[in-house]
């Protein structure tokens, strides 16, 4: 049987479509964001990514996902809001991007230290690995337990130097946000124990 160019192209495109769709994960629907089991049931890539990061770096899945909820509300292309002056856009407050809202500098540091040069901030595998890696650095440098979402989030938001200098004490709004992350992590943990 002779394969025509059109048939060959059709087969090639079909195979590529299957491969690409198999490698990508989609953000969970908004209605599932308060239930970690629903997030995992919606797309098991999220479960696999959380487990892989946990095994590699030690931050439990419920803390990882609480960070993602706070940072991007599970939006893969999330960025800080555009700032304006006299109605003219003047840029964003930071270079934060993706599920983990990692800045350019933090992401480059992660890539350099882990050798994951192809990692992308809008890929859930890479974003959760970054969160695990960053929290592992907080554990090593600052002695923060990898099961303490409150302190981990303060260090994540302020950076390791900022955390050491207790810069969060000058931001009255930040400790309540870290508390919110901690409460969500506790809720996710309770749900996680019921996931099947």
N, C-alpha and C. Protein backbone atom coordinates (compact mmCIF):
# COMPACT_ATOMS: atom_id res chain seq x y z
N UNK A 1 0.84 -1.18 0.00
CA UNK A 1 0.00 0.00 0.00
C UNK A 1 0.88 1.24 0.00
N UNK A 2 0.58 2.14 -0.90
CA UNK A 2 1.38 3.36 -1.03
C UNK A 2 0.72 4.49 -0.23
N UNK A 3 1.53 5.15 0.60
CA UNK A 3 1.00 6.26 1.41
C UNK A 3 1.22 7.57 0.66
N UNK A 4 0.14 8.28 0.41
CA UNK A 4 0.25 9.57 -0.28
C UNK A 4 0.76 10.63 0.69
N UNK A 5 1.22 11.73 0.14
CA UNK A 5 1.72 12.83 0.99
C UNK A 5 0.62 13.36 1.90
N UNK A 6 -0.60 13.46 1.39
CA UNK A 6 -1.71 13.97 2.19
C UNK A 6 -2.02 13.04 3.36
N UNK A 7 -2.04 11.72 3.09
CA UNK A 7 -2.30 10.76 4.15
C UNK A 7 -1.17 10.79 5.18
N UNK A 8 0.06 10.86 4.71
CA UNK A 8 1.22 10.91 5.60
C UNK A 8 1.15 12.15 6.50
N UNK A 9 0.81 13.31 5.92
CA UNK A 9 0.70 14.54 6.69
C UNK A 9 -0.43 14.43 7.72
N UNK A 10 -1.54 13.83 7.33
CA UNK A 10 -2.67 13.65 8.23
C UNK A 10 -2.29 12.76 9.42
N UNK A 11 -1.59 11.66 9.15
CA UNK A 11 -1.13 10.75 10.22
C UNK A 11 -0.16 11.48 11.15
N UNK A 12 0.77 12.21 10.55
CA UNK A 12 1.78 12.95 11.32
C UNK A 12 1.11 13.97 12.26
N UNK A 13 0.16 14.74 11.72
CA UNK A 13 -0.51 15.75 12.54
C UNK A 13 -1.34 15.11 13.65
N UNK A 14 -1.98 13.99 13.37
CA UNK A 14 -2.77 13.29 14.39
C UNK A 14 -1.88 12.81 15.53
N UNK A 15 -0.76 12.18 15.18
CA UNK A 15 0.18 11.69 16.19
C UNK A 15 0.73 12.84 17.02
N UNK A 16 1.10 13.94 16.37
CA UNK A 16 1.63 15.09 17.09
C UNK A 16 0.58 15.68 18.04
N UNK A 17 -0.68 15.73 17.58
CA UNK A 17 -1.76 16.24 18.42
C UNK A 17 -1.94 15.39 19.67
N UNK A 18 -1.89 14.06 19.50
CA UNK A 18 -2.03 13.15 20.63
C UNK A 18 -0.87 13.33 21.60
N UNK A 19 0.35 13.43 21.07
CA UNK A 19 1.52 13.60 21.93
C UNK A 19 1.47 14.91 22.70
N UNK A 20 1.10 15.98 22.01
CA UNK A 20 1.06 17.29 22.68
C UNK A 20 -0.03 17.32 23.74
N UNK A 21 -1.22 16.80 23.41
CA UNK A 21 -2.30 16.83 24.40
C UNK A 21 -1.98 15.92 25.58
N UNK A 22 -1.23 14.85 25.36
CA UNK A 22 -0.87 13.95 26.44
C UNK A 22 0.15 14.56 27.39
N UNK A 23 0.89 15.56 26.93
CA UNK A 23 1.94 16.16 27.75
C UNK A 23 1.47 17.40 28.50
N UNK A 24 0.31 17.89 28.15
CA UNK A 24 -0.11 19.13 28.79
C UNK A 24 -1.20 18.87 29.81
N UNK A 25 -1.22 19.70 30.81
CA UNK A 25 -2.29 19.62 31.79
C UNK A 25 -3.09 20.91 31.69
N UNK A 26 -4.35 20.81 32.01
CA UNK A 26 -5.20 21.99 31.92
C UNK A 26 -5.55 22.46 33.31
N UNK A 27 -5.74 23.79 33.47
CA UNK A 27 -6.10 24.28 34.79
C UNK A 27 -7.47 23.74 35.20
N UNK A 28 -7.65 23.45 36.46
CA UNK A 28 -8.95 22.93 36.92
C UNK A 28 -10.02 24.01 36.84
N UNK A 29 -11.29 23.60 36.66
CA UNK A 29 -12.37 24.59 36.64
C UNK A 29 -12.49 25.29 37.99
N UNK A 30 -12.97 26.52 37.95
CA UNK A 30 -13.07 27.34 39.16
C UNK A 30 -13.87 26.64 40.27
N UNK A 31 -14.91 25.90 39.89
CA UNK A 31 -15.77 25.27 40.90
C UNK A 31 -15.06 24.17 41.69
N UNK A 32 -13.90 23.69 41.20
CA UNK A 32 -13.20 22.61 41.90
C UNK A 32 -12.07 23.12 42.81
N UNK A 33 -11.79 24.42 42.79
CA UNK A 33 -10.59 24.95 43.45
C UNK A 33 -10.59 24.84 44.97
N UNK A 34 -11.75 24.59 45.55
CA UNK A 34 -11.81 24.45 47.01
C UNK A 34 -11.75 22.99 47.45
N UNK A 35 -11.45 22.09 46.52
CA UNK A 35 -11.40 20.66 46.84
C UNK A 35 -10.22 20.01 46.13
N UNK A 36 -9.20 19.67 46.89
CA UNK A 36 -7.98 19.13 46.29
C UNK A 36 -8.25 17.81 45.55
N UNK A 37 -9.18 17.01 46.05
CA UNK A 37 -9.49 15.75 45.37
C UNK A 37 -10.10 16.01 44.00
N UNK A 38 -10.99 17.01 43.92
CA UNK A 38 -11.60 17.36 42.63
C UNK A 38 -10.55 17.85 41.65
N UNK A 39 -9.56 18.58 42.14
CA UNK A 39 -8.48 19.05 41.28
C UNK A 39 -7.73 17.84 40.71
N UNK A 40 -7.41 16.89 41.58
CA UNK A 40 -6.68 15.71 41.13
C UNK A 40 -7.53 14.82 40.22
N UNK A 41 -8.84 14.72 40.51
CA UNK A 41 -9.71 13.90 39.66
C UNK A 41 -9.87 14.54 38.29
N UNK A 42 -9.89 15.87 38.25
CA UNK A 42 -10.09 16.58 37.00
C UNK A 42 -8.95 16.29 36.02
N UNK A 43 -7.72 16.31 36.54
CA UNK A 43 -6.56 16.05 35.68
C UNK A 43 -5.48 15.41 36.55
N UNK A 44 -5.23 14.12 36.34
CA UNK A 44 -4.27 13.43 37.20
C UNK A 44 -2.83 13.89 37.00
N UNK A 45 -2.58 14.73 35.99
CA UNK A 45 -1.25 15.33 35.85
C UNK A 45 -0.93 16.19 37.07
N UNK A 46 -1.96 16.81 37.65
CA UNK A 46 -1.75 17.63 38.84
C UNK A 46 -1.31 16.76 40.00
N UNK A 47 -1.95 15.61 40.15
CA UNK A 47 -1.58 14.68 41.22
C UNK A 47 -0.13 14.21 41.01
N UNK A 48 0.18 13.79 39.79
CA UNK A 48 1.53 13.30 39.49
C UNK A 48 2.58 14.37 39.74
N UNK A 49 2.29 15.60 39.30
CA UNK A 49 3.25 16.70 39.48
C UNK A 49 3.47 16.99 40.97
N UNK A 50 2.39 16.99 41.74
CA UNK A 50 2.49 17.26 43.19
C UNK A 50 3.28 16.16 43.89
N UNK A 51 3.02 14.90 43.52
CA UNK A 51 3.73 13.78 44.13
C UNK A 51 5.22 13.79 43.77
N UNK A 52 5.52 14.10 42.50
CA UNK A 52 6.92 14.14 42.08
C UNK A 52 7.69 15.22 42.84
N UNK A 53 7.08 16.39 42.98
CA UNK A 53 7.73 17.48 43.72
C UNK A 53 7.90 17.10 45.19
N UNK A 54 6.88 16.47 45.77
CA UNK A 54 6.94 16.04 47.17
C UNK A 54 8.09 15.06 47.39
N UNK A 55 8.21 14.08 46.51
CA UNK A 55 9.28 13.08 46.64
C UNK A 55 10.66 13.72 46.49
N UNK A 56 10.75 14.70 45.62
CA UNK A 56 12.05 15.31 45.34
C UNK A 56 12.46 16.33 46.41
N UNK A 57 11.48 17.13 46.90
CA UNK A 57 11.83 18.26 47.75
C UNK A 57 11.20 18.24 49.14
N UNK A 58 10.14 17.45 49.35
CA UNK A 58 9.58 17.31 50.69
C UNK A 58 8.43 18.23 51.08
N UNK A 59 7.98 19.10 50.18
CA UNK A 59 6.81 19.92 50.50
C UNK A 59 5.56 19.13 50.14
N UNK A 60 4.66 18.89 51.09
CA UNK A 60 3.46 18.10 50.81
C UNK A 60 2.57 18.72 49.73
N UNK A 61 1.84 17.89 48.99
CA UNK A 61 0.97 18.38 47.91
C UNK A 61 -0.02 19.45 48.36
N UNK A 62 -0.57 19.31 49.57
CA UNK A 62 -1.58 20.28 50.00
C UNK A 62 -0.99 21.66 50.20
N UNK A 63 0.27 21.75 50.56
CA UNK A 63 0.93 23.05 50.69
C UNK A 63 1.26 23.60 49.30
N UNK A 64 1.75 22.76 48.42
CA UNK A 64 2.05 23.19 47.05
C UNK A 64 0.82 23.82 46.40
N UNK A 65 -0.33 23.14 46.49
CA UNK A 65 -1.53 23.63 45.84
C UNK A 65 -2.11 24.85 46.53
N UNK A 66 -1.91 24.97 47.84
CA UNK A 66 -2.34 26.19 48.54
C UNK A 66 -1.55 27.39 48.03
N UNK A 67 -0.26 27.19 47.75
CA UNK A 67 0.57 28.26 47.18
C UNK A 67 0.05 28.64 45.79
N UNK A 68 -0.23 27.64 44.96
CA UNK A 68 -0.72 27.91 43.60
C UNK A 68 -2.05 28.67 43.66
N UNK A 69 -2.92 28.27 44.58
CA UNK A 69 -4.20 28.96 44.71
C UNK A 69 -3.98 30.43 45.04
N UNK A 70 -3.10 30.70 45.98
CA UNK A 70 -2.84 32.09 46.38
C UNK A 70 -2.14 32.88 45.28
N UNK A 71 -1.18 32.27 44.64
CA UNK A 71 -0.35 33.00 43.69
C UNK A 71 -1.04 33.27 42.36
N UNK A 72 -1.77 32.30 41.83
CA UNK A 72 -2.31 32.46 40.47
C UNK A 72 -3.76 32.03 40.32
N UNK A 73 -4.37 31.54 41.39
CA UNK A 73 -5.69 30.92 41.33
C UNK A 73 -5.75 29.91 40.18
N UNK A 74 -4.65 29.17 40.01
CA UNK A 74 -4.55 28.08 39.05
C UNK A 74 -4.59 28.56 37.60
N UNK A 75 -4.19 29.79 37.36
CA UNK A 75 -4.14 30.31 35.98
C UNK A 75 -2.70 30.17 35.47
N UNK A 76 -2.50 29.44 34.37
CA UNK A 76 -1.13 29.18 33.90
C UNK A 76 -0.38 30.41 33.40
N UNK A 77 -1.11 31.43 32.95
CA UNK A 77 -0.44 32.61 32.39
C UNK A 77 -0.64 33.85 33.25
N UNK A 78 -0.87 33.64 34.54
CA UNK A 78 -1.12 34.76 35.46
C UNK A 78 0.09 35.70 35.52
N UNK A 79 -0.21 36.99 35.59
CA UNK A 79 0.82 38.03 35.75
C UNK A 79 0.27 39.08 36.70
N UNK A 80 1.13 39.87 37.33
CA UNK A 80 0.63 41.00 38.13
C UNK A 80 -0.13 41.97 37.22
N UNK A 81 -1.04 42.72 37.81
CA UNK A 81 -1.83 43.67 37.03
C UNK A 81 -0.94 44.75 36.42
N UNK A 82 -1.35 45.21 35.26
CA UNK A 82 -0.67 46.33 34.61
C UNK A 82 -0.91 47.59 35.43
N UNK A 83 0.14 48.37 35.62
CA UNK A 83 0.00 49.63 36.34
C UNK A 83 -0.07 50.77 35.34
N UNK A 84 -0.81 51.82 35.71
CA UNK A 84 -1.05 52.96 34.81
C UNK A 84 -0.70 54.27 35.49
N UNK A 85 -0.28 55.23 34.68
CA UNK A 85 -0.05 56.59 35.15
C UNK A 85 -0.74 57.51 34.15
N UNK A 86 -1.74 58.26 34.63
CA UNK A 86 -2.53 59.15 33.77
C UNK A 86 -3.13 58.38 32.58
N UNK A 87 -3.56 57.17 32.87
CA UNK A 87 -4.18 56.34 31.83
C UNK A 87 -3.21 55.66 30.88
N UNK A 88 -1.92 55.87 31.09
CA UNK A 88 -0.91 55.26 30.21
C UNK A 88 -0.29 54.07 30.93
N UNK A 89 -0.26 52.88 30.27
CA UNK A 89 0.36 51.72 30.93
C UNK A 89 1.86 51.93 31.13
N UNK A 90 2.32 51.68 32.36
CA UNK A 90 3.75 51.89 32.65
C UNK A 90 4.47 50.60 33.05
N UNK A 91 3.76 49.48 32.95
CA UNK A 91 4.40 48.20 33.25
C UNK A 91 3.77 47.50 34.44
N UNK A 92 4.31 46.34 34.74
CA UNK A 92 3.81 45.54 35.85
C UNK A 92 4.74 45.70 37.05
N UNK A 93 4.21 45.41 38.23
CA UNK A 93 5.00 45.61 39.45
C UNK A 93 6.17 44.64 39.57
N UNK A 94 6.08 43.49 38.88
CA UNK A 94 7.20 42.53 38.90
C UNK A 94 7.12 41.65 37.66
N UNK A 95 8.13 40.82 37.49
CA UNK A 95 8.19 39.89 36.35
C UNK A 95 7.54 38.55 36.67
N UNK A 96 6.81 38.48 37.79
CA UNK A 96 6.17 37.22 38.20
C UNK A 96 5.26 36.71 37.09
N UNK A 97 5.27 35.38 36.92
CA UNK A 97 4.48 34.79 35.84
C UNK A 97 4.16 33.33 36.17
N UNK A 98 3.01 32.88 35.68
CA UNK A 98 2.67 31.47 35.74
C UNK A 98 2.00 31.02 37.02
N UNK A 99 1.83 29.70 37.12
CA UNK A 99 1.15 29.10 38.28
C UNK A 99 1.76 29.52 39.61
N UNK A 100 3.09 29.54 39.68
CA UNK A 100 3.79 29.82 40.94
C UNK A 100 4.14 31.28 41.11
N UNK A 101 3.85 32.11 40.11
CA UNK A 101 4.20 33.53 40.12
C UNK A 101 5.68 33.72 40.45
N UNK A 102 6.51 32.91 39.83
CA UNK A 102 7.96 33.04 40.01
C UNK A 102 8.46 34.21 39.17
N UNK A 103 9.34 35.01 39.76
CA UNK A 103 9.94 36.12 39.02
C UNK A 103 11.01 35.58 38.08
N UNK A 104 11.41 36.42 37.12
CA UNK A 104 12.46 36.02 36.18
C UNK A 104 13.73 35.58 36.92
N UNK A 105 14.13 36.37 37.92
CA UNK A 105 15.38 36.08 38.65
C UNK A 105 15.27 34.77 39.42
N UNK A 106 14.16 34.57 40.11
CA UNK A 106 13.99 33.33 40.90
C UNK A 106 13.93 32.12 39.98
N UNK A 107 13.25 32.27 38.84
CA UNK A 107 13.13 31.15 37.90
C UNK A 107 14.49 30.80 37.30
N UNK A 108 15.26 31.82 36.95
CA UNK A 108 16.60 31.59 36.40
C UNK A 108 17.47 30.87 37.43
N UNK A 109 17.38 31.29 38.68
CA UNK A 109 18.14 30.65 39.76
C UNK A 109 17.74 29.18 39.89
N UNK A 110 16.45 28.92 39.84
CA UNK A 110 15.93 27.54 39.89
C UNK A 110 16.48 26.71 38.72
N UNK A 111 16.41 27.27 37.52
CA UNK A 111 16.90 26.54 36.34
C UNK A 111 18.39 26.25 36.45
N UNK A 112 19.14 27.24 36.89
CA UNK A 112 20.59 27.09 37.01
C UNK A 112 20.94 26.03 38.06
N UNK A 113 20.28 26.08 39.22
CA UNK A 113 20.62 25.16 40.31
C UNK A 113 20.14 23.73 40.04
N UNK A 114 19.04 23.58 39.29
CA UNK A 114 18.49 22.24 39.05
C UNK A 114 18.86 21.67 37.68
N UNK A 115 19.38 22.53 36.80
CA UNK A 115 19.70 22.09 35.44
C UNK A 115 18.47 21.90 34.55
N UNK A 116 17.32 22.39 34.99
CA UNK A 116 16.07 22.24 34.22
C UNK A 116 15.87 23.46 33.32
N UNK A 117 16.72 23.57 32.32
CA UNK A 117 16.71 24.75 31.45
C UNK A 117 15.46 24.84 30.58
N UNK A 118 14.78 23.74 30.35
CA UNK A 118 13.56 23.76 29.54
C UNK A 118 12.30 23.97 30.38
N UNK A 119 12.44 24.13 31.68
CA UNK A 119 11.28 24.30 32.57
C UNK A 119 10.52 25.58 32.21
N UNK A 120 9.19 25.49 32.30
CA UNK A 120 8.34 26.63 31.97
C UNK A 120 7.43 26.94 33.14
N UNK A 121 7.23 28.22 33.39
CA UNK A 121 6.43 28.66 34.53
C UNK A 121 4.94 28.37 34.35
N UNK A 122 4.49 28.15 33.11
CA UNK A 122 3.07 27.85 32.88
C UNK A 122 2.83 26.35 32.71
N UNK A 123 3.80 25.54 33.08
CA UNK A 123 3.67 24.08 33.08
C UNK A 123 3.57 23.63 34.54
N UNK A 124 2.52 22.89 34.86
CA UNK A 124 2.28 22.56 36.26
C UNK A 124 3.38 21.68 36.86
N UNK A 125 3.95 20.79 36.07
CA UNK A 125 5.06 19.96 36.58
C UNK A 125 6.21 20.85 37.05
N UNK A 126 6.56 21.81 36.20
CA UNK A 126 7.69 22.69 36.50
C UNK A 126 7.35 23.66 37.63
N UNK A 127 6.12 24.18 37.62
CA UNK A 127 5.72 25.14 38.66
C UNK A 127 5.73 24.50 40.04
N UNK A 128 5.18 23.28 40.15
CA UNK A 128 5.17 22.62 41.46
C UNK A 128 6.58 22.19 41.87
N UNK A 129 7.40 21.82 40.89
CA UNK A 129 8.79 21.49 41.22
C UNK A 129 9.50 22.74 41.75
N UNK A 130 9.21 23.89 41.14
CA UNK A 130 9.80 25.15 41.61
C UNK A 130 9.38 25.45 43.05
N UNK A 131 8.08 25.31 43.34
CA UNK A 131 7.60 25.57 44.70
C UNK A 131 8.29 24.64 45.69
N UNK A 132 8.39 23.36 45.34
CA UNK A 132 9.07 22.41 46.21
C UNK A 132 10.53 22.79 46.41
N UNK A 133 11.20 23.13 45.30
CA UNK A 133 12.62 23.52 45.36
C UNK A 133 12.80 24.77 46.23
N UNK A 134 11.95 25.78 46.02
CA UNK A 134 12.10 27.01 46.78
C UNK A 134 11.89 26.76 48.27
N UNK A 135 10.88 25.96 48.59
CA UNK A 135 10.63 25.64 50.00
C UNK A 135 11.77 24.81 50.60
N UNK A 136 12.39 23.98 49.77
CA UNK A 136 13.55 23.22 50.25
C UNK A 136 14.70 24.18 50.60
N UNK A 137 14.85 25.23 49.77
CA UNK A 137 15.88 26.25 50.07
C UNK A 137 15.54 26.97 51.38
N UNK A 138 14.26 27.24 51.60
CA UNK A 138 13.83 27.89 52.85
C UNK A 138 14.13 26.99 54.05
N UNK A 139 13.93 25.69 53.85
CA UNK A 139 14.25 24.71 54.90
C UNK A 139 15.75 24.70 55.19
N UNK A 140 16.56 24.66 54.14
CA UNK A 140 18.02 24.59 54.32
C UNK A 140 18.60 25.89 54.87
N UNK A 141 18.19 27.01 54.30
CA UNK A 141 18.80 28.29 54.66
C UNK A 141 18.24 28.91 55.93
N UNK A 142 16.93 28.69 56.15
CA UNK A 142 16.27 29.38 57.25
C UNK A 142 15.78 28.45 58.34
N UNK A 143 15.86 27.15 58.11
CA UNK A 143 15.41 26.18 59.10
C UNK A 143 13.89 26.09 59.22
N UNK A 144 13.16 26.53 58.18
CA UNK A 144 11.69 26.47 58.21
C UNK A 144 11.26 25.05 57.85
N UNK A 145 10.38 24.49 58.65
CA UNK A 145 9.86 23.16 58.38
C UNK A 145 9.11 23.16 57.05
N UNK A 146 9.27 22.10 56.28
CA UNK A 146 8.58 22.00 54.98
C UNK A 146 7.10 21.68 55.16
N UNK A 147 6.66 21.58 56.40
CA UNK A 147 5.23 21.38 56.68
C UNK A 147 4.62 22.60 57.38
N UNK A 148 5.31 23.73 57.34
CA UNK A 148 4.81 24.97 57.97
C UNK A 148 4.45 25.97 56.88
N UNK A 149 3.21 25.90 56.36
CA UNK A 149 2.85 26.76 55.23
C UNK A 149 2.90 28.25 55.55
N UNK A 150 2.65 28.63 56.79
CA UNK A 150 2.66 30.05 57.16
C UNK A 150 4.05 30.65 56.95
N UNK A 151 5.05 30.05 57.58
CA UNK A 151 6.42 30.58 57.47
C UNK A 151 6.99 30.37 56.06
N UNK A 152 6.67 29.23 55.46
CA UNK A 152 7.14 28.98 54.09
C UNK A 152 6.62 30.05 53.13
N UNK A 153 5.35 30.43 53.30
CA UNK A 153 4.79 31.43 52.40
C UNK A 153 5.43 32.80 52.62
N UNK A 154 5.68 33.16 53.88
CA UNK A 154 6.35 34.44 54.14
C UNK A 154 7.72 34.47 53.45
N UNK A 155 8.47 33.38 53.55
CA UNK A 155 9.79 33.31 52.91
C UNK A 155 9.66 33.30 51.39
N UNK A 156 8.63 32.66 50.89
CA UNK A 156 8.38 32.59 49.44
C UNK A 156 8.07 33.99 48.91
N UNK A 157 7.27 34.72 49.63
CA UNK A 157 6.86 36.04 49.18
C UNK A 157 7.98 37.07 49.33
N UNK A 158 8.69 37.02 50.44
CA UNK A 158 9.69 38.04 50.75
C UNK A 158 11.10 37.69 50.29
N UNK A 159 11.31 36.44 49.92
CA UNK A 159 12.67 36.00 49.61
C UNK A 159 13.39 35.65 50.89
N UNK A 160 14.47 34.91 50.77
CA UNK A 160 15.18 34.44 51.96
C UNK A 160 15.81 35.58 52.75
N UNK A 161 16.37 36.53 52.05
CA UNK A 161 16.98 37.68 52.75
C UNK A 161 15.91 38.50 53.44
N UNK A 162 14.81 38.75 52.74
CA UNK A 162 13.70 39.52 53.33
C UNK A 162 13.14 38.83 54.56
N UNK A 163 13.00 37.51 54.48
CA UNK A 163 12.49 36.77 55.63
C UNK A 163 13.43 36.90 56.82
N UNK A 164 14.74 36.76 56.56
CA UNK A 164 15.73 36.89 57.64
C UNK A 164 15.63 38.28 58.28
N UNK A 165 15.40 39.29 57.46
CA UNK A 165 15.31 40.67 57.97
C UNK A 165 13.92 41.00 58.50
N UNK A 166 13.02 40.02 58.43
CA UNK A 166 11.64 40.17 58.92
C UNK A 166 10.90 41.32 58.24
N UNK A 167 11.13 41.44 56.94
CA UNK A 167 10.49 42.52 56.17
C UNK A 167 8.97 42.41 56.16
N UNK A 168 8.46 41.20 56.39
CA UNK A 168 7.01 41.00 56.40
C UNK A 168 6.33 41.75 57.54
N UNK A 169 7.10 42.12 58.58
CA UNK A 169 6.53 42.87 59.70
C UNK A 169 6.18 44.30 59.30
N UNK A 170 6.79 44.78 58.22
CA UNK A 170 6.49 46.13 57.73
C UNK A 170 5.34 46.12 56.71
N UNK A 171 4.76 44.95 56.47
CA UNK A 171 3.64 44.82 55.53
C UNK A 171 2.48 44.20 56.28
N UNK A 172 1.64 45.07 56.84
CA UNK A 172 0.55 44.59 57.69
C UNK A 172 -0.38 43.62 56.97
N UNK A 173 -0.47 43.72 55.66
CA UNK A 173 -1.38 42.87 54.89
C UNK A 173 -0.82 41.46 54.65
N UNK A 174 0.50 41.29 54.75
CA UNK A 174 1.11 40.01 54.36
C UNK A 174 0.88 38.87 55.35
N UNK A 175 1.10 39.02 56.66
CA UNK A 175 0.83 37.90 57.56
C UNK A 175 -0.60 37.34 57.45
N UNK A 176 -1.64 38.20 57.29
CA UNK A 176 -2.97 37.62 57.08
C UNK A 176 -3.08 36.79 55.80
N UNK A 177 -2.36 37.18 54.76
CA UNK A 177 -2.35 36.38 53.52
C UNK A 177 -1.68 35.04 53.78
N UNK A 178 -0.55 35.06 54.49
CA UNK A 178 0.13 33.81 54.83
C UNK A 178 -0.76 32.92 55.70
N UNK A 179 -1.54 33.55 56.56
CA UNK A 179 -2.48 32.77 57.38
C UNK A 179 -3.55 32.13 56.51
N UNK A 180 -4.01 32.86 55.51
CA UNK A 180 -5.01 32.34 54.57
C UNK A 180 -4.45 31.14 53.81
N UNK A 181 -3.20 31.24 53.38
CA UNK A 181 -2.54 30.12 52.69
C UNK A 181 -2.45 28.92 53.63
N UNK A 182 -2.09 29.19 54.89
CA UNK A 182 -1.97 28.12 55.88
C UNK A 182 -3.32 27.44 56.12
N UNK A 183 -4.38 28.22 56.19
CA UNK A 183 -5.71 27.65 56.40
C UNK A 183 -6.15 26.81 55.20
N UNK A 184 -5.85 27.30 54.00
CA UNK A 184 -6.20 26.52 52.80
C UNK A 184 -5.39 25.22 52.78
N UNK A 185 -4.12 25.29 53.14
CA UNK A 185 -3.30 24.08 53.18
C UNK A 185 -3.88 23.07 54.17
N UNK A 186 -4.35 23.56 55.32
CA UNK A 186 -4.95 22.68 56.31
C UNK A 186 -6.23 22.04 55.75
N UNK A 187 -7.05 22.83 55.04
CA UNK A 187 -8.27 22.31 54.43
C UNK A 187 -7.93 21.26 53.37
N UNK A 188 -6.96 21.59 52.49
CA UNK A 188 -6.54 20.64 51.46
C UNK A 188 -5.99 19.35 52.08
N UNK A 189 -5.26 19.50 53.19
CA UNK A 189 -4.69 18.31 53.82
C UNK A 189 -5.80 17.37 54.31
N UNK A 190 -6.81 17.95 54.94
CA UNK A 190 -7.92 17.15 55.44
C UNK A 190 -8.64 16.45 54.27
N UNK A 191 -8.83 17.15 53.17
CA UNK A 191 -9.46 16.55 52.00
C UNK A 191 -8.57 15.48 51.38
N UNK A 192 -7.28 15.77 51.32
CA UNK A 192 -6.32 14.86 50.69
C UNK A 192 -6.37 13.47 51.32
N UNK A 193 -6.58 13.44 52.62
CA UNK A 193 -6.62 12.16 53.33
C UNK A 193 -7.86 11.35 52.96
N UNK A 194 -8.85 12.01 52.34
CA UNK A 194 -10.08 11.30 51.92
C UNK A 194 -10.07 10.96 50.43
N UNK A 195 -9.09 11.47 49.68
CA UNK A 195 -9.05 11.21 48.23
C UNK A 195 -8.87 9.73 47.97
N UNK A 196 -9.52 9.24 46.93
CA UNK A 196 -9.38 7.83 46.54
C UNK A 196 -8.77 7.75 45.16
